[in-house]
Amino acid sequence: MPRRKPLKPIPRFDSEDEEREFWSRHDSVDYVDWKRAKRASFPNLKASTKTISLRIPQSLLEDLKILANKRDVPYQSLLKVFLAERVEQEFRLER
């Protein structure tokens, strides 16, 4: 079995943004022994949200509300689902 090179120490970060930037450019396998990892559960963790103001054509809003009503969900929830799906699709296209 090949010998694994030693793990690099994980640097200290001054902010979440700094840490996010670091991990976007580095592979965690160089820093973490994933074979020793244990599954964690965070049942009370809620995603952070931010309120925004969005101007969209009235007809688009009405169409969104019709679709949401057909699915028996709030239109804002449906809009979030649509946005998340599209963002994921765009990221897949970049690869």
PDB file of N, CA and C in Angstrom:
ATOM      1  N   MET A   1       0.848  -1.180   0.000  1.00  0.00           N
ATOM      2  CA  MET A   1       0.000   0.000   0.000  1.00  0.00           C
ATOM      3  C   MET A   1       0.896   1.246   0.000  1.00  0.00           C
ATOM      4  N   PRO A   2       0.620   2.204  -0.893  1.00  0.00           N
ATOM      5  CA  PRO A   2       1.476   3.386  -0.960  1.00  0.00           C
ATOM      6  C   PRO A   2       1.384   4.228   0.307  1.00  0.00           C
ATOM      7  N   ARG A   3       2.494   4.828   0.654  1.00  0.00           N
ATOM      8  CA  ARG A   3       2.511   5.692   1.842  1.00  0.00           C
ATOM      9  C   ARG A   3       1.873   7.027   1.506  1.00  0.00           C
ATOM     10  N   ARG A   4       1.086   7.488   2.413  1.00  0.00           N
ATOM     11  CA  ARG A   4       0.404   8.775   2.232  1.00  0.00           C
ATOM     12  C   ARG A   4       1.310   9.895   2.711  1.00  0.00           C
ATOM     13  N   LYS A   5       1.354  10.962   1.934  1.00  0.00           N
ATOM     14  CA  LYS A   5       2.172  12.091   2.365  1.00  0.00           C
ATOM     15  C   LYS A   5       1.533  12.745   3.591  1.00  0.00           C
ATOM     16  N   PRO A   6       2.344  13.374   4.428  1.00  0.00           N
ATOM     17  CA  PRO A   6       1.800  13.979   5.655  1.00  0.00           C
ATOM     18  C   PRO A   6       0.785  15.084   5.334  1.00  0.00           C
ATOM     19  N   LEU A   7      -0.180  15.210   6.233  1.00  0.00           N
ATOM     20  CA  LEU A   7      -1.202  16.243   6.053  1.00  0.00           C
ATOM     21  C   LEU A   7      -0.636  17.614   6.364  1.00  0.00           C
ATOM     22  N   LYS A   8      -1.108  18.593   5.630  1.00  0.00           N
ATOM     23  CA  LYS A   8      -0.720  19.976   5.877  1.00  0.00           C
ATOM     24  C   LYS A   8      -1.561  20.522   7.023  1.00  0.00           C
ATOM     25  N   PRO A   9      -1.006  21.429   7.823  1.00  0.00           N
ATOM     26  CA  PRO A   9      -1.814  22.017   8.901  1.00  0.00           C
ATOM     27  C   PRO A   9      -2.858  22.988   8.316  1.00  0.00           C
ATOM     28  N   ILE A  10      -4.040  22.968   8.891  1.00  0.00           N
ATOM     29  CA  ILE A  10      -5.091  23.893   8.449  1.00  0.00           C
ATOM     30  C   ILE A  10      -4.773  25.261   9.034  1.00  0.00           C
ATOM     31  N   PRO A  11      -4.694  26.291   8.199  1.00  0.00           N
ATOM     32  CA  PRO A  11      -4.368  27.618   8.718  1.00  0.00           C
ATOM     33  C   PRO A  11      -5.498  28.195   9.570  1.00  0.00           C
ATOM     34  N   ARG A  12      -5.181  29.193  10.353  1.00  0.00           N
ATOM     35  CA  ARG A  12      -6.201  29.931  11.121  1.00  0.00           C
ATOM     36  C   ARG A  12      -6.749  31.027  10.219  1.00  0.00           C
ATOM     37  N   PHE A  13      -8.047  31.259  10.324  1.00  0.00           N
ATOM     38  CA  PHE A  13      -8.698  32.249   9.474  1.00  0.00           C
ATOM     39  C   PHE A  13      -9.272  33.367  10.325  1.00  0.00           C
ATOM     40  N   ASP A  14      -9.207  34.568   9.810  1.00  0.00           N
ATOM     41  CA  ASP A  14      -9.744  35.728  10.529  1.00  0.00           C
ATOM     42  C   ASP A  14     -11.230  35.931  10.282  1.00  0.00           C
ATOM     43  N   SER A  15     -11.752  35.297   9.234  1.00  0.00           N
ATOM     44  CA  SER A  15     -13.178  35.465   8.926  1.00  0.00           C
ATOM     45  C   SER A  15     -13.669  34.272   8.117  1.00  0.00           C
ATOM     46  N   GLU A  16     -14.985  34.134   8.052  1.00  0.00           N
ATOM     47  CA  GLU A  16     -15.564  33.074   7.227  1.00  0.00           C
ATOM     48  C   GLU A  16     -15.247  33.303   5.755  1.00  0.00           C
ATOM     49  N   ASP A  17     -15.242  34.567   5.347  1.00  0.00           N
ATOM     50  CA  ASP A  17     -14.917  34.872   3.950  1.00  0.00           C
ATOM     51  C   ASP A  17     -13.504  34.408   3.600  1.00  0.00           C
ATOM     52  N   GLU A  18     -12.577  34.637   4.506  1.00  0.00           N
ATOM     53  CA  GLU A  18     -11.194  34.216   4.280  1.00  0.00           C
ATOM     54  C   GLU A  18     -11.117  32.685   4.190  1.00  0.00           C
ATOM     55  N   GLU A  19     -11.833  32.005   5.075  1.00  0.00           N
ATOM     56  CA  GLU A  19     -11.840  30.541   5.049  1.00  0.00           C
ATOM     57  C   GLU A  19     -12.503  30.021   3.779  1.00  0.00           C
ATOM     58  N   ARG A  20     -13.607  30.631   3.383  1.00  0.00           N
ATOM     59  CA  ARG A  20     -14.313  30.230   2.165  1.00  0.00           C
ATOM     60  C   ARG A  20     -13.392  30.364   0.949  1.00  0.00           C
ATOM     61  N   GLU A  21     -12.675  31.462   0.893  1.00  0.00           N
ATOM     62  CA  GLU A  21     -11.743  31.700  -0.217  1.00  0.00           C
ATOM     63  C   GLU A  21     -10.632  30.640  -0.224  1.00  0.00           C
ATOM     64  N   PHE A  22     -10.110  30.324   0.955  1.00  0.00           N
ATOM     65  CA  PHE A  22      -9.050  29.320   1.054  1.00  0.00           C
ATOM     66  C   PHE A  22      -9.523  27.973   0.515  1.00  0.00           C
ATOM     67  N   TRP A  23     -10.686  27.494   0.991  1.00  0.00           N
ATOM     68  CA  TRP A  23     -11.166  26.178   0.593  1.00  0.00           C
ATOM     69  C   TRP A  23     -11.615  26.139  -0.855  1.00  0.00           C
ATOM     70  N   SER A  24     -11.941  27.284  -1.427  1.00  0.00           N
ATOM     71  CA  SER A  24     -12.302  27.289  -2.847  1.00  0.00           C
ATOM     72  C   SER A  24     -11.073  27.059  -3.725  1.00  0.00           C
ATOM     73  N   ARG A  25      -9.875  27.283  -3.163  1.00  0.00           N
ATOM     74  CA  ARG A  25      -8.637  27.122  -3.929  1.00  0.00           C
ATOM     75  C   ARG A  25      -7.790  25.933  -3.503  1.00  0.00           C
ATOM     76  N   HIS A  26      -8.175  25.235  -2.427  1.00  0.00           N
ATOM     77  CA  HIS A  26      -7.376  24.120  -1.915  1.00  0.00           C
ATOM     78  C   HIS A  26      -8.228  22.868  -1.770  1.00  0.00           C
ATOM     79  N   ASP A  27      -7.604  21.715  -1.948  1.00  0.00           N
ATOM     80  CA  ASP A  27      -8.288  20.435  -1.803  1.00  0.00           C
ATOM     81  C   ASP A  27      -8.162  19.968  -0.357  1.00  0.00           C
ATOM     82  N   SER A  28      -9.288  19.636   0.252  1.00  0.00           N
ATOM     83  CA  SER A  28      -9.286  19.256   1.665  1.00  0.00           C
ATOM     84  C   SER A  28      -8.520  17.956   1.933  1.00  0.00           C
ATOM     85  N   VAL A  29      -8.340  17.108   0.928  1.00  0.00           N
ATOM     86  CA  VAL A  29      -7.615  15.842   1.161  1.00  0.00           C
ATOM     87  C   VAL A  29      -6.154  16.081   1.533  1.00  0.00           C
ATOM     88  N   ASP A  30      -5.636  17.266   1.234  1.00  0.00           N
ATOM     89  CA  ASP A  30      -4.273  17.606   1.645  1.00  0.00           C
ATOM     90  C   ASP A  30      -4.210  18.018   3.110  1.00  0.00           C
ATOM     91  N   TYR A  31      -5.381  18.268   3.727  1.00  0.00           N
ATOM     92  CA  TYR A  31      -5.444  18.807   5.083  1.00  0.00           C
ATOM     93  C   TYR A  31      -6.206  17.924   6.076  1.00  0.00           C
ATOM     94  N   VAL A  32      -7.049  17.026   5.565  1.00  0.00           N
ATOM     95  CA  VAL A  32      -7.920  16.225   6.429  1.00  0.00           C
ATOM     96  C   VAL A  32      -7.817  14.758   6.035  1.00  0.00           C
ATOM     97  N   ASP A  33      -7.700  13.891   7.033  1.00  0.00           N
ATOM     98  CA  ASP A  33      -7.729  12.448   6.790  1.00  0.00           C
ATOM     99  C   ASP A  33      -9.190  12.011   6.836  1.00  0.00           C
ATOM    100  N   TRP A  34      -9.833  11.971   5.689  1.00  0.00           N
ATOM    101  CA  TRP A  34     -11.262  11.698   5.614  1.00  0.00           C
ATOM    102  C   TRP A  34     -11.615  10.271   6.004  1.00  0.00           C
ATOM    103  N   LYS A  35     -10.628   9.359   6.006  1.00  0.00           N
ATOM    104  CA  LYS A  35     -10.904   7.983   6.435  1.00  0.00           C
ATOM    105  C   LYS A  35     -11.188   7.917   7.935  1.00  0.00           C
ATOM    106  N   ARG A  36     -10.752   8.917   8.674  1.00  0.00           N
ATOM    107  CA  ARG A  36     -10.983   8.958  10.124  1.00  0.00           C
ATOM    108  C   ARG A  36     -12.173   9.841  10.485  1.00  0.00           C
ATOM    109  N   ALA A  37     -12.817  10.412   9.484  1.00  0.00           N
ATOM    110  CA  ALA A  37     -13.946  11.314   9.746  1.00  0.00           C
ATOM    111  C   ALA A  37     -15.154  10.536  10.255  1.00  0.00           C
ATOM    112  N   LYS A  38     -15.961  11.203  11.065  1.00  0.00           N
ATOM    113  CA  LYS A  38     -17.195  10.615  11.578  1.00  0.00           C
ATOM    114  C   LYS A  38     -18.353  11.479  11.129  1.00  0.00           C
ATOM    115  N   ARG A  39     -19.465  10.841  10.823  1.00  0.00           N
ATOM    116  CA  ARG A  39     -20.664  11.559  10.398  1.00  0.00           C
ATOM    117  C   ARG A  39     -21.201  12.394  11.552  1.00  0.00           C
ATOM    118  N   ALA A  40     -21.568  13.626  11.250  1.00  0.00           N
ATOM    119  CA  ALA A  40     -22.138  14.527  12.254  1.00  0.00           C
ATOM    120  C   ALA A  40     -23.565  14.882  11.852  1.00  0.00           C
ATOM    121  N   SER A  41     -24.370  15.164  12.847  1.00  0.00           N
ATOM    122  CA  SER A  41     -25.752  15.554  12.595  1.00  0.00           C
ATOM    123  C   SER A  41     -26.014  16.882  13.288  1.00  0.00           C
ATOM    124  N   PHE A  42     -26.627  17.806  12.567  1.00  0.00           N
ATOM    125  CA  PHE A  42     -26.950  19.118  13.109  1.00  0.00           C
ATOM    126  C   PHE A  42     -28.438  19.375  12.891  1.00  0.00           C
ATOM    127  N   PRO A  43     -29.301  18.754  13.691  1.00  0.00           N
ATOM    128  CA  PRO A  43     -30.742  18.826  13.433  1.00  0.00           C
ATOM    129  C   PRO A  43     -31.346  20.221  13.594  1.00  0.00           C
ATOM    130  N   ASN A  44     -30.719  21.076  14.366  1.00  0.00           N
ATOM    131  CA  ASN A  44     -31.292  22.404  14.607  1.00  0.00           C
ATOM    132  C   ASN A  44     -30.640  23.504  13.777  1.00  0.00           C
ATOM    133  N   LEU A  45     -29.748  23.126  12.879  1.00  0.00           N
ATOM    134  CA  LEU A  45     -29.048  24.107  12.054  1.00  0.00           C
ATOM    135  C   LEU A  45     -29.983  24.640  10.984  1.00  0.00           C
ATOM    136  N   LYS A  46     -30.084  25.938  10.905  1.00  0.00           N
ATOM    137  CA  LYS A  46     -30.928  26.568   9.900  1.00  0.00           C
ATOM    138  C   LYS A  46     -30.048  27.416   8.982  1.00  0.00           C
ATOM    139  N   ALA A  47     -30.355  27.365   7.714  1.00  0.00           N
ATOM    140  CA  ALA A  47     -29.598  28.164   6.752  1.00  0.00           C
ATOM    141  C   ALA A  47     -29.839  29.645   7.026  1.00  0.00           C
ATOM    142  N   SER A  48     -28.796  30.425   6.930  1.00  0.00           N
ATOM    143  CA  SER A  48     -28.971  31.863   7.121  1.00  0.00           C
ATOM    144  C   SER A  48     -29.620  32.442   5.867  1.00  0.00           C
ATOM    145  N   THR A  49     -30.492  33.387   6.072  1.00  0.00           N
ATOM    146  CA  THR A  49     -31.191  34.018   4.954  1.00  0.00           C
ATOM    147  C   THR A  49     -31.017  35.521   5.030  1.00  0.00           C
ATOM    148  N   LYS A  50     -31.225  36.157   3.913  1.00  0.00           N
ATOM    149  CA  LYS A  50     -31.132  37.606   3.847  1.00  0.00           C
ATOM    150  C   LYS A  50     -32.325  38.105   3.050  1.00  0.00           C
ATOM    151  N   THR A  51     -32.992  39.096   3.569  1.00  0.00           N
ATOM    152  CA  THR A  51     -34.129  39.685   2.881  1.00  0.00           C
ATOM    153  C   THR A  51     -33.621  40.619   1.791  1.00  0.00           C
ATOM    154  N   ILE A  52     -34.191  40.485   0.601  1.00  0.00           N
ATOM    155  CA  ILE A  52     -33.826  41.364  -0.507  1.00  0.00           C
ATOM    156  C   ILE A  52     -35.091  41.951  -1.116  1.00  0.00           C
ATOM    157  N   SER A  53     -34.909  42.992  -1.874  1.00  0.00           N
ATOM    158  CA  SER A  53     -36.009  43.568  -2.631  1.00  0.00           C
ATOM    159  C   SER A  53     -35.731  43.275  -4.099  1.00  0.00           C
ATOM    160  N   LEU A  54     -36.737  42.761  -4.781  1.00  0.00           N
ATOM    161  CA  LEU A  54     -36.550  42.340  -6.159  1.00  0.00           C
ATOM    162  C   LEU A  54     -37.682  42.896  -7.003  1.00  0.00           C
ATOM    163  N   ARG A  55     -37.354  43.611  -8.036  1.00  0.00           N
ATOM    164  CA  ARG A  55     -38.375  44.154  -8.934  1.00  0.00           C
ATOM    165  C   ARG A  55     -38.513  43.223 -10.128  1.00  0.00           C
ATOM    166  N   ILE A  56     -39.727  42.686 -10.300  1.00  0.00           N
ATOM    167  CA  ILE A  56     -40.005  41.828 -11.443  1.00  0.00           C
ATOM    168  C   ILE A  56     -41.307  42.283 -12.076  1.00  0.00           C
ATOM    169  N   PRO A  57     -41.500  41.998 -13.345  1.00  0.00           N
ATOM    170  CA  PRO A  57     -42.744  42.400 -14.005  1.00  0.00           C
ATOM    171  C   PRO A  57     -43.960  41.781 -13.308  1.00  0.00           C
ATOM    172  N   GLN A  58     -45.026  42.552 -13.221  1.00  0.00           N
ATOM    173  CA  GLN A  58     -46.253  42.111 -12.567  1.00  0.00           C
ATOM    174  C   GLN A  58     -46.753  40.792 -13.160  1.00  0.00           C
ATOM    175  N   SER A  59     -46.688  40.676 -14.484  1.00  0.00           N
ATOM    176  CA  SER A  59     -47.180  39.454 -15.133  1.00  0.00           C
ATOM    177  C   SER A  59     -46.362  38.229 -14.712  1.00  0.00           C
ATOM    178  N   LEU A  60     -45.057  38.401 -14.519  1.00  0.00           N
ATOM    179  CA  LEU A  60     -44.216  37.294 -14.068  1.00  0.00           C
ATOM    180  C   LEU A  60     -44.591  36.890 -12.646  1.00  0.00           C
ATOM    181  N   LEU A  61     -44.838  37.880 -11.801  1.00  0.00           N
ATOM    182  CA  LEU A  61     -45.254  37.596 -10.430  1.00  0.00           C
ATOM    183  C   LEU A  61     -46.590  36.851 -10.409  1.00  0.00           C
ATOM    184  N   GLU A  62     -47.513  37.274 -11.244  1.00  0.00           N
ATOM    185  CA  GLU A  62     -48.817  36.604 -11.303  1.00  0.00           C
ATOM    186  C   GLU A  62     -48.664  35.164 -11.782  1.00  0.00           C
ATOM    187  N   ASP A  63     -47.829  34.952 -12.787  1.00  0.00           N
ATOM    188  CA  ASP A  63     -47.586  33.590 -13.275  1.00  0.00           C
ATOM    189  C   ASP A  63     -46.944  32.721 -12.186  1.00  0.00           C
ATOM    190  N   LEU A  64     -46.022  33.291 -11.457  1.00  0.00           N
ATOM    191  CA  LEU A  64     -45.367  32.569 -10.371  1.00  0.00           C
ATOM    192  C   LEU A  64     -46.388  32.179  -9.298  1.00  0.00           C
ATOM    193  N   LYS A  65     -47.278  33.094  -8.979  1.00  0.00           N
ATOM    194  CA  LYS A  65     -48.305  32.804  -7.978  1.00  0.00           C
ATOM    195  C   LYS A  65     -49.262  31.710  -8.462  1.00  0.00           C
ATOM    196  N   ILE A  66     -49.577  31.704  -9.739  1.00  0.00           N
ATOM    197  CA  ILE A  66     -50.442  30.652 -10.296  1.00  0.00           C
ATOM    198  C   ILE A  66     -49.757  29.291 -10.176  1.00  0.00           C
ATOM    199  N   LEU A  67     -48.470  29.232 -10.557  1.00  0.00           N
ATOM    200  CA  LEU A  67     -47.723  27.977 -10.442  1.00  0.00           C
ATOM    201  C   LEU A  67     -47.628  27.516  -8.990  1.00  0.00           C
ATOM    202  N   ALA A  68     -47.354  28.452  -8.108  1.00  0.00           N
ATOM    203  CA  ALA A  68     -47.236  28.118  -6.686  1.00  0.00           C
ATOM    204  C   ALA A  68     -48.564  27.595  -6.153  1.00  0.00           C
ATOM    205  N   ASN A  69     -49.663  28.228  -6.555  1.00  0.00           N
ATOM    206  CA  ASN A  69     -50.982  27.796  -6.110  1.00  0.00           C
ATOM    207  C   ASN A  69     -51.275  26.373  -6.588  1.00  0.00           C
ATOM    208  N   LYS A  70     -50.898  26.053  -7.818  1.00  0.00           N
ATOM    209  CA  LYS A  70     -51.098  24.701  -8.354  1.00  0.00           C
ATOM    210  C   LYS A  70     -50.322  23.662  -7.549  1.00  0.00           C
ATOM    211  N   ARG A  71     -49.167  24.066  -7.036  1.00  0.00           N
ATOM    212  CA  ARG A  71     -48.329  23.149  -6.265  1.00  0.00           C
ATOM    213  C   ARG A  71     -48.610  23.237  -4.765  1.00  0.00           C
ATOM    214  N   ASP A  72     -49.505  24.135  -4.396  1.00  0.00           N
ATOM    215  CA  ASP A  72     -49.875  24.349  -2.998  1.00  0.00           C
ATOM    216  C   ASP A  72     -48.671  24.714  -2.127  1.00  0.00           C
ATOM    217  N   VAL A  73     -47.858  25.648  -2.638  1.00  0.00           N
ATOM    218  CA  VAL A  73     -46.711  26.167  -1.890  1.00  0.00           C
ATOM    219  C   VAL A  73     -46.726  27.692  -1.976  1.00  0.00           C
ATOM    220  N   PRO A  74     -46.113  28.373  -1.020  1.00  0.00           N
ATOM    221  CA  PRO A  74     -46.009  29.833  -1.118  1.00  0.00           C
ATOM    222  C   PRO A  74     -45.168  30.229  -2.339  1.00  0.00           C
ATOM    223  N   TYR A  75     -45.560  31.317  -2.990  1.00  0.00           N
ATOM    224  CA  TYR A  75     -44.845  31.704  -4.206  1.00  0.00           C
ATOM    225  C   TYR A  75     -43.392  32.054  -3.940  1.00  0.00           C
ATOM    226  N   GLN A  76     -43.091  32.607  -2.755  1.00  0.00           N
ATOM    227  CA  GLN A  76     -41.696  32.943  -2.448  1.00  0.00           C
ATOM    228  C   GLN A  76     -40.855  31.680  -2.319  1.00  0.00           C
ATOM    229  N   SER A  77     -41.431  30.629  -1.760  1.00  0.00           N
ATOM    230  CA  SER A  77     -40.709  29.352  -1.652  1.00  0.00           C
ATOM    231  C   SER A  77     -40.450  28.767  -3.036  1.00  0.00           C
ATOM    232  N   LEU A  78     -41.449  28.841  -3.892  1.00  0.00           N
ATOM    233  CA  LEU A  78     -41.279  28.330  -5.251  1.00  0.00           C
ATOM    234  C   LEU A  78     -40.208  29.133  -5.993  1.00  0.00           C
ATOM    235  N   LEU A  79     -40.203  30.426  -5.803  1.00  0.00           N
ATOM    236  CA  LEU A  79     -39.182  31.270  -6.434  1.00  0.00           C
ATOM    237  C   LEU A  79     -37.789  30.864  -5.974  1.00  0.00           C
ATOM    238  N   LYS A  80     -37.614  30.572  -4.678  1.00  0.00           N
ATOM    239  CA  LYS A  80     -36.316  30.131  -4.165  1.00  0.00           C
ATOM    240  C   LYS A  80     -35.899  28.804  -4.796  1.00  0.00           C
ATOM    241  N   VAL A  81     -36.850  27.892  -4.957  1.00  0.00           N
ATOM    242  CA  VAL A  81     -36.550  26.602  -5.589  1.00  0.00           C
ATOM    243  C   VAL A  81     -36.099  26.822  -7.032  1.00  0.00           C
ATOM    244  N   PHE A  82     -36.850  27.642  -7.766  1.00  0.00           N
ATOM    245  CA  PHE A  82     -36.490  27.921  -9.160  1.00  0.00           C
ATOM    246  C   PHE A  82     -35.106  28.559  -9.261  1.00  0.00           C
ATOM    247  N   LEU A  83     -34.825  29.517  -8.392  1.00  0.00           N
ATOM    248  CA  LEU A  83     -33.516  30.179  -8.419  1.00  0.00           C
ATOM    249  C   LEU A  83     -32.396  29.185  -8.097  1.00  0.00           C
ATOM    250  N   ALA A  84     -32.599  28.371  -7.067  1.00  0.00           N
ATOM    251  CA  ALA A  84     -31.570  27.401  -6.677  1.00  0.00           C
ATOM    252  C   ALA A  84     -31.296  26.414  -7.807  1.00  0.00           C
ATOM    253  N   GLU A  85     -32.354  25.939  -8.459  1.00  0.00           N
ATOM    254  CA  GLU A  85     -32.177  25.003  -9.568  1.00  0.00           C
ATOM    255  C   GLU A  85     -31.391  25.646 -10.705  1.00  0.00           C
ATOM    256  N   ARG A  86     -31.709  26.880 -11.008  1.00  0.00           N
ATOM    257  CA  ARG A  86     -31.025  27.557 -12.120  1.00  0.00           C
ATOM    258  C   ARG A  86     -29.565  27.845 -11.792  1.00  0.00           C
ATOM    259  N   VAL A  87     -29.306  28.259 -10.571  1.00  0.00           N
ATOM    260  CA  VAL A  87     -27.923  28.526 -10.177  1.00  0.00           C
ATOM    261  C   VAL A  87     -27.110  27.240 -10.256  1.00  0.00           C
ATOM    262  N   GLU A  88     -27.674  26.139  -9.767  1.00  0.00           N
ATOM    263  CA  GLU A  88     -26.980  24.853  -9.853  1.00  0.00           C
ATOM    264  C   GLU A  88     -26.720  24.473 -11.303  1.00  0.00           C
ATOM    265  N   GLN A  89     -27.696  24.690 -12.165  1.00  0.00           N
ATOM    266  CA  GLN A  89     -27.546  24.387 -13.586  1.00  0.00           C
ATOM    267  C   GLN A  89     -26.420  25.226 -14.207  1.00  0.00           C
ATOM    268  N   GLU A  90     -26.362  26.490 -13.869  1.00  0.00           N
ATOM    269  CA  GLU A  90     -25.313  27.364 -14.413  1.00  0.00           C
ATOM    270  C   GLU A  90     -23.928  26.902 -13.967  1.00  0.00           C
ATOM    271  N   PHE A  91     -23.788  26.488 -12.702  1.00  0.00           N
ATOM    272  CA  PHE A  91     -22.511  26.011 -12.224  1.00  0.00           C
ATOM    273  C   PHE A  91     -22.109  24.724 -12.936  1.00  0.00           C
ATOM    274  N   ARG A  92     -23.081  23.840 -13.207  1.00  0.00           N
ATOM    275  CA  ARG A  92     -22.777  22.615 -13.928  1.00  0.00           C
ATOM    276  C   ARG A  92     -22.304  22.916 -15.340  1.00  0.00           C
ATOM    277  N   LEU A  93     -22.864  23.941 -15.961  1.00  0.00           N
ATOM    278  CA  LEU A  93     -22.478  24.318 -17.323  1.00  0.00           C
ATOM    279  C   LEU A  93     -21.046  24.855 -17.376  1.00  0.00           C
ATOM    280  N   GLU A  94     -20.587  25.455 -16.275  1.00  0.00           N
ATOM    281  CA  GLU A  94     -19.232  26.009 -16.222  1.00  0.00           C
ATOM    282  C   GLU A  94     -18.168  24.926 -16.248  1.00  0.00           C
ATOM    283  N   ARG A  95     -18.519  23.746 -15.784  1.00  0.00           N
ATOM    284  CA  ARG A  95     -17.517  22.656 -15.662  1.00  0.00           C
ATOM    285  C   ARG A  95     -17.241  22.004 -16.955  1.00  0.00           C
TER     286      ARG A  95
END
